[in-house]
């Protein structure tokens, strides 16, 4: 089964995308295929041809989503909410599963954003893995080359992925 990782921000050069790529590498180490969807550059001003292609080629066929979401003003980014709102809800989201990882430069790892996105996904009939991982102080865990260097955070992400593979 192919998993789709969604980097939940359109901010260029974000730490969110770096963590999303790491999760993709963890999945690959575990023998799992994954797609990576970045919201960078995605036209979210309406149902664009690009969004329709993303839906038909990646989102609709996906059964298990992994969301990596940064903290934006105590929640998750509006760009992610807009992408969800513009999507064809039933074929994209209904009866699927999701794993959520929050990232922030603060000390809570986007706990509120994880709660908010869980509520949104549950409304869309998406089952969310109970282990929602908050990654705090992300700016201190990534080196100058953009690599996550904290062994305990990498281990926690790997354990979360293991749970999701069995979910």
Protein backbone atom coordinates (compact mmCIF):
# COMPACT_ATOMS: atom_id res chain seq x y z
CA UNK A 1 0.00 0.00 0.00
CA UNK A 2 1.30 3.44 -0.87
CA UNK A 3 1.11 6.11 1.78
CA UNK A 4 0.82 9.81 1.00
CA UNK A 5 2.72 12.27 3.16
CA UNK A 6 1.31 15.79 3.11
CA UNK A 7 3.63 18.62 4.13
CA UNK A 8 0.93 20.88 5.54
CA UNK A 9 2.25 24.32 4.64
CA UNK A 10 2.91 26.32 1.52
CA UNK A 11 5.83 28.12 3.16
CA UNK A 12 8.98 27.78 1.04
CA UNK A 13 11.91 26.03 2.72
CA UNK A 14 9.90 24.94 5.75
CA UNK A 15 11.05 22.55 8.46
CA UNK A 16 7.72 20.81 7.91
CA UNK A 17 8.85 19.58 4.49
CA UNK A 18 12.15 18.40 5.99
CA UNK A 19 10.30 16.28 8.57
CA UNK A 20 7.93 15.00 5.86
CA UNK A 21 10.93 13.85 3.82
CA UNK A 22 12.39 12.12 6.88
CA UNK A 23 9.13 10.23 7.40
CA UNK A 24 9.30 9.19 3.75
CA UNK A 25 12.82 7.86 4.34
CA UNK A 26 11.63 5.98 7.45
CA UNK A 27 8.84 4.38 5.41
CA UNK A 28 11.31 3.40 2.70
CA UNK A 29 13.60 1.78 5.31
CA UNK A 30 10.56 -0.26 6.39
CA UNK A 31 9.92 -1.37 2.79
CA UNK A 32 6.95 0.95 2.24
CA UNK A 33 6.30 3.20 -0.74
CA UNK A 34 5.11 6.77 -0.27
CA UNK A 35 4.10 9.86 -2.18
CA UNK A 36 5.11 13.29 -0.92
CA UNK A 37 2.72 16.18 -1.43
CA UNK A 38 4.02 19.66 -0.73
CA UNK A 39 1.65 22.61 -0.77
CA UNK A 40 4.49 24.89 -1.95
CA UNK A 41 3.39 26.49 -5.20
CA UNK A 42 0.03 24.69 -5.31
CA UNK A 43 -2.67 27.02 -6.67
CA UNK A 44 -5.28 27.18 -3.91
CA UNK A 45 -7.37 30.01 -5.34
CA UNK A 46 -10.02 27.55 -6.53
CA UNK A 47 -10.33 24.08 -8.01
CA UNK A 48 -7.32 24.40 -10.28
CA UNK A 49 -6.33 21.81 -12.90
CA UNK A 50 -3.26 21.12 -10.73
CA UNK A 51 -5.46 20.26 -7.72
CA UNK A 52 -7.71 18.06 -9.90
CA UNK A 53 -4.63 16.17 -11.15
CA UNK A 54 -3.31 15.82 -7.58
CA UNK A 55 -6.66 14.38 -6.53
CA UNK A 56 -7.00 11.88 -9.36
CA UNK A 57 -3.38 10.72 -9.39
CA UNK A 58 -2.52 10.75 -5.67
CA UNK A 59 -5.20 11.73 -3.15
CA UNK A 60 -8.13 9.57 -4.29
CA UNK A 61 -6.06 6.35 -4.65
CA UNK A 62 -4.44 6.88 -1.22
CA UNK A 63 -5.91 4.95 1.71
CA UNK A 64 -3.48 6.18 4.40
CA UNK A 65 -2.35 9.79 4.78
CA UNK A 66 0.46 11.16 6.90
CA UNK A 67 0.10 14.84 7.77
CA UNK A 68 3.07 16.86 8.98
CA UNK A 69 1.67 20.14 10.22
CA UNK A 70 3.40 23.21 11.58
CA UNK A 71 1.88 25.46 14.23
CA UNK A 72 0.32 28.57 12.70
CA UNK A 73 -1.32 30.89 15.22
CA UNK A 74 -2.26 28.08 17.59
CA UNK A 75 -3.64 25.80 14.89
CA UNK A 76 -2.71 24.36 11.49
CA UNK A 77 -2.08 26.36 8.30
CA UNK A 78 -4.92 27.87 6.33
CA UNK A 79 -3.33 26.57 3.12
CA UNK A 80 -3.91 22.99 4.32
CA UNK A 81 -7.50 23.79 5.33
CA UNK A 82 -8.09 25.40 1.94
CA UNK A 83 -6.69 22.35 0.11
CA UNK A 84 -9.03 20.12 2.12
CA UNK A 85 -12.01 22.45 1.51
CA UNK A 86 -11.37 22.58 -2.25
CA UNK A 87 -11.02 18.83 -2.61
CA UNK A 88 -13.75 16.44 -3.71
CA UNK A 89 -14.52 15.39 -0.14
CA UNK A 90 -16.04 11.91 -0.45
CA UNK A 91 -13.57 10.23 -2.81
CA UNK A 92 -10.54 11.97 -1.31
CA UNK A 93 -11.20 11.58 2.42
CA UNK A 94 -14.12 9.37 3.44
CA UNK A 95 -13.26 6.09 5.23
CA UNK A 96 -9.50 6.57 5.05
CA UNK A 97 -6.84 6.71 7.78
CA UNK A 98 -4.40 9.37 8.88
CA UNK A 99 -1.31 9.83 11.02
CA UNK A 100 -0.54 13.30 12.38
CA UNK A 101 2.83 14.77 13.31
CA UNK A 102 3.00 18.34 14.56
CA UNK A 103 6.07 20.57 14.40
CA UNK A 104 6.77 23.89 16.04
CA UNK A 105 9.62 26.02 17.23
CA UNK A 106 7.76 26.35 20.54
CA UNK A 107 7.54 23.82 23.34
CA UNK A 108 4.16 22.25 22.60
CA UNK A 109 4.84 20.77 19.16
CA UNK A 110 1.55 22.12 17.78
CA UNK A 111 -0.69 20.18 20.17
CA UNK A 112 -3.66 22.48 19.47
CA UNK A 113 -3.18 22.19 15.72
CA UNK A 114 -3.11 18.40 16.03
CA UNK A 115 -6.42 18.57 17.92
CA UNK A 116 -7.95 20.95 15.37
CA UNK A 117 -6.90 18.84 12.37
CA UNK A 118 -8.13 15.68 14.13
CA UNK A 119 -11.56 17.26 14.51
CA UNK A 120 -11.62 18.29 10.86
CA UNK A 121 -10.51 14.86 9.65
CA UNK A 122 -12.98 13.05 11.92
CA UNK A 123 -15.75 15.22 10.43
CA UNK A 124 -14.58 13.98 7.01
CA UNK A 125 -14.88 10.35 8.21
CA UNK A 126 -11.10 9.88 8.45
CA UNK A 127 -9.87 7.65 11.29
CA UNK A 128 -6.88 9.29 12.99
CA UNK A 129 -4.13 7.27 14.68
CA UNK A 130 -4.40 8.05 18.42
CA UNK A 131 -0.63 8.55 18.69
CA UNK A 132 -0.38 12.11 17.40
CA UNK A 133 3.26 13.11 17.78
CA UNK A 134 4.15 16.70 18.71
CA UNK A 135 7.73 17.63 17.77
CA UNK A 136 8.80 20.67 19.79
CA UNK A 137 11.70 23.05 19.25
CA UNK A 138 12.10 21.81 15.67
CA UNK A 139 14.49 24.63 14.79
CA UNK A 140 16.94 23.28 17.38
CA UNK A 141 16.66 19.67 16.14
CA UNK A 142 17.66 20.36 12.53
CA UNK A 143 21.24 21.01 11.43
CA UNK A 144 22.48 23.59 8.90
CA UNK A 145 21.96 21.13 6.03
CA UNK A 146 18.33 20.60 7.03
CA UNK A 147 18.74 17.15 8.57
CA UNK A 148 16.92 16.12 11.72
CA UNK A 149 19.72 15.21 14.13
CA UNK A 150 17.96 14.37 17.39
CA UNK A 151 18.07 10.58 17.87
CA UNK A 152 15.12 10.47 20.29
CA UNK A 153 12.90 12.41 17.87
CA UNK A 154 13.89 10.13 14.99
CA UNK A 155 13.12 7.10 17.19
CA UNK A 156 9.72 8.58 18.16
CA UNK A 157 8.88 9.18 14.48
CA UNK A 158 9.91 5.62 13.61
CA UNK A 159 7.74 4.23 16.41
CA UNK A 160 4.79 6.35 15.25
CA UNK A 161 5.24 5.04 11.70
CA UNK A 162 5.32 1.47 13.03
CA UNK A 163 2.00 2.04 14.80
CA UNK A 164 0.52 3.55 11.65
CA UNK A 165 1.58 0.61 9.53
CA UNK A 166 -0.46 -1.62 11.88
CA UNK A 167 -3.42 0.80 12.09
